[in-house]
Amino acid sequence: MAIPHEDVQKIFEYLRSPAIRNELLIRLLYQTGVQSVELANIRLADIDFGKREMRITSAKANEGDGNYIRYVYYHENLDYLMRE
């Protein structure tokens, strides 16, 4: 079940330092639907900033499974946070 947009907005009112990083993480989780462990394992080499694409290694699948690697996309409104 998805978190209502209003509840997500409330989360941003209570961000702690480093605020930019924390806001980016929350927005990426919300926009892409990746799991927190998947997001934690992303490296710079996994991100194509031009395409706004991230390579995700599945937390649930095994390496031989067809869904082990997938790509997710983030909205252009995250470009600033991604650069920072």
C-alpha atoms as a PDB file:
ATOM      1  CA  MET A   1       0.000   0.000   0.000  1.00  0.00           C
ATOM      2  CA  ALA A   2       1.350   3.398  -0.972  1.00  0.00           C
ATOM      3  CA  ILE A   3       1.811   6.225   1.495  1.00  0.00           C
ATOM      4  CA  PRO A   4      -0.532   9.145   0.783  1.00  0.00           C
ATOM      5  CA  HIS A   5       1.195  12.209  -0.702  1.00  0.00           C
ATOM      6  CA  GLU A   6       0.182  14.327   2.309  1.00  0.00           C
ATOM      7  CA  ASP A   7       1.964  11.943   4.680  1.00  0.00           C
ATOM      8  CA  VAL A   8       5.102  12.016   2.549  1.00  0.00           C
ATOM      9  CA  GLN A   9       5.086  15.817   2.684  1.00  0.00           C
ATOM     10  CA  LYS A  10       4.925  15.653   6.496  1.00  0.00           C
ATOM     11  CA  ILE A  11       8.106  13.573   6.523  1.00  0.00           C
ATOM     12  CA  PHE A  12      10.028  16.440   4.917  1.00  0.00           C
ATOM     13  CA  GLU A  13       9.075  18.754   7.769  1.00  0.00           C
ATOM     14  CA  TYR A  14      11.150  16.636  10.169  1.00  0.00           C
ATOM     15  CA  LEU A  15      14.300  15.956   8.155  1.00  0.00           C
ATOM     16  CA  ARG A  16      17.500  15.894  10.129  1.00  0.00           C
ATOM     17  CA  SER A  17      20.982  16.739   8.972  1.00  0.00           C
ATOM     18  CA  PRO A  18      22.295  16.054   6.406  1.00  0.00           C
ATOM     19  CA  ALA A  19      18.970  17.306   5.071  1.00  0.00           C
ATOM     20  CA  ILE A  20      19.822  17.223   1.351  1.00  0.00           C
ATOM     21  CA  ARG A  21      20.933  13.601   1.473  1.00  0.00           C
ATOM     22  CA  ASN A  22      17.967  12.550   3.586  1.00  0.00           C
ATOM     23  CA  GLU A  23      15.485  14.347   1.343  1.00  0.00           C
ATOM     24  CA  LEU A  24      17.015  12.707  -1.731  1.00  0.00           C
ATOM     25  CA  LEU A  25      16.797   9.240  -0.195  1.00  0.00           C
ATOM     26  CA  ILE A  26      13.163   9.659   0.789  1.00  0.00           C
ATOM     27  CA  ARG A  27      12.213  11.083  -2.613  1.00  0.00           C
ATOM     28  CA  LEU A  28      14.007   8.271  -4.442  1.00  0.00           C
ATOM     29  CA  LEU A  29      12.270   5.641  -2.323  1.00  0.00           C
ATOM     30  CA  TYR A  30       8.903   7.287  -2.953  1.00  0.00           C
ATOM     31  CA  GLN A  31       9.364   7.900  -6.691  1.00  0.00           C
ATOM     32  CA  THR A  32      11.009   4.642  -7.710  1.00  0.00           C
ATOM     33  CA  GLY A  33       9.562   2.096  -5.294  1.00  0.00           C
ATOM     34  CA  VAL A  34      12.968   0.537  -4.661  1.00  0.00           C
ATOM     35  CA  GLN A  35      13.576  -1.121  -1.329  1.00  0.00           C
ATOM     36  CA  SER A  36      15.794   0.644   1.173  1.00  0.00           C
ATOM     37  CA  VAL A  37      18.428  -2.116   0.975  1.00  0.00           C
ATOM     38  CA  GLU A  38      18.474  -1.774  -2.830  1.00  0.00           C
ATOM     39  CA  LEU A  39      18.898   1.983  -2.580  1.00  0.00           C
ATOM     40  CA  ALA A  40      21.699   1.564  -0.042  1.00  0.00           C
ATOM     41  CA  ASN A  41      23.593  -0.668  -2.499  1.00  0.00           C
ATOM     42  CA  ILE A  42      23.508   1.781  -5.425  1.00  0.00           C
ATOM     43  CA  ARG A  43      26.886   3.140  -6.482  1.00  0.00           C
ATOM     44  CA  LEU A  44      27.672   6.145  -8.696  1.00  0.00           C
ATOM     45  CA  ALA A  45      28.510   3.753 -11.531  1.00  0.00           C
ATOM     46  CA  ASP A  46      24.901   2.484 -11.357  1.00  0.00           C
ATOM     47  CA  ILE A  47      23.442   5.912 -12.166  1.00  0.00           C
ATOM     48  CA  ASP A  48      23.025   7.404 -15.630  1.00  0.00           C
ATOM     49  CA  PHE A  49      22.324  11.047 -14.848  1.00  0.00           C
ATOM     50  CA  GLY A  50      21.542  11.897 -18.476  1.00  0.00           C
ATOM     51  CA  LYS A  51      18.779   9.290 -18.721  1.00  0.00           C
ATOM     52  CA  ARG A  52      17.780   9.651 -15.043  1.00  0.00           C
ATOM     53  CA  GLU A  53      18.200   5.892 -14.808  1.00  0.00           C
ATOM     54  CA  MET A  54      19.448   3.766 -11.922  1.00  0.00           C
ATOM     55  CA  ARG A  55      20.622   0.162 -12.175  1.00  0.00           C
ATOM     56  CA  ILE A  56      19.136  -1.809  -9.285  1.00  0.00           C
ATOM     57  CA  THR A  57      20.399  -5.144  -8.028  1.00  0.00           C
ATOM     58  CA  SER A  58      17.363  -6.925  -6.604  1.00  0.00           C
ATOM     59  CA  ALA A  59      17.358  -7.651  -2.902  1.00  0.00           C
ATOM     60  CA  LYS A  60      15.001 -10.604  -3.407  1.00  0.00           C
ATOM     61  CA  ALA A  61      16.181 -12.374  -6.554  1.00  0.00           C
ATOM     62  CA  ASN A  62      19.234 -14.548  -7.030  1.00  0.00           C
ATOM     63  CA  GLU A  63      21.892 -13.701  -9.594  1.00  0.00           C
ATOM     64  CA  GLY A  64      20.663 -16.371 -12.030  1.00  0.00           C
ATOM     65  CA  ASP A  65      17.061 -15.125 -11.926  1.00  0.00           C
ATOM     66  CA  GLY A  66      15.698 -13.017 -14.766  1.00  0.00           C
ATOM     67  CA  ASN A  67      14.797 -10.110 -12.480  1.00  0.00           C
ATOM     68  CA  TYR A  68      18.134  -9.839 -10.674  1.00  0.00           C
ATOM     69  CA  ILE A  69      19.007  -6.549 -12.406  1.00  0.00           C
ATOM     70  CA  ARG A  70      16.417  -3.928 -13.267  1.00  0.00           C
ATOM     71  CA  TYR A  71      16.402  -0.256 -14.149  1.00  0.00           C
ATOM     72  CA  VAL A  72      14.293   2.436 -12.527  1.00  0.00           C
ATOM     73  CA  TYR A  73      13.895   6.060 -13.456  1.00  0.00           C
ATOM     74  CA  TYR A  74      13.560   9.170 -11.358  1.00  0.00           C
ATOM     75  CA  HIS A  75      11.779  12.417 -12.164  1.00  0.00           C
ATOM     76  CA  GLU A  76      13.630  15.502 -13.364  1.00  0.00           C
ATOM     77  CA  ASN A  77      12.596  17.321 -10.186  1.00  0.00           C
ATOM     78  CA  LEU A  78      15.371  15.361  -8.427  1.00  0.00           C
ATOM     79  CA  ASP A  79      18.167  16.638 -10.688  1.00  0.00           C
ATOM     80  CA  TYR A  80      19.235  19.311  -8.186  1.00  0.00           C
ATOM     81  CA  LEU A  81      19.335  16.895  -5.244  1.00  0.00           C
ATOM     82  CA  MET A  82      21.195  14.304  -7.317  1.00  0.00           C
ATOM     83  CA  ARG A  83      23.862  16.868  -8.246  1.00  0.00           C
ATOM     84  CA  GLU A  84      24.291  17.995  -4.662  1.00  0.00           C
END
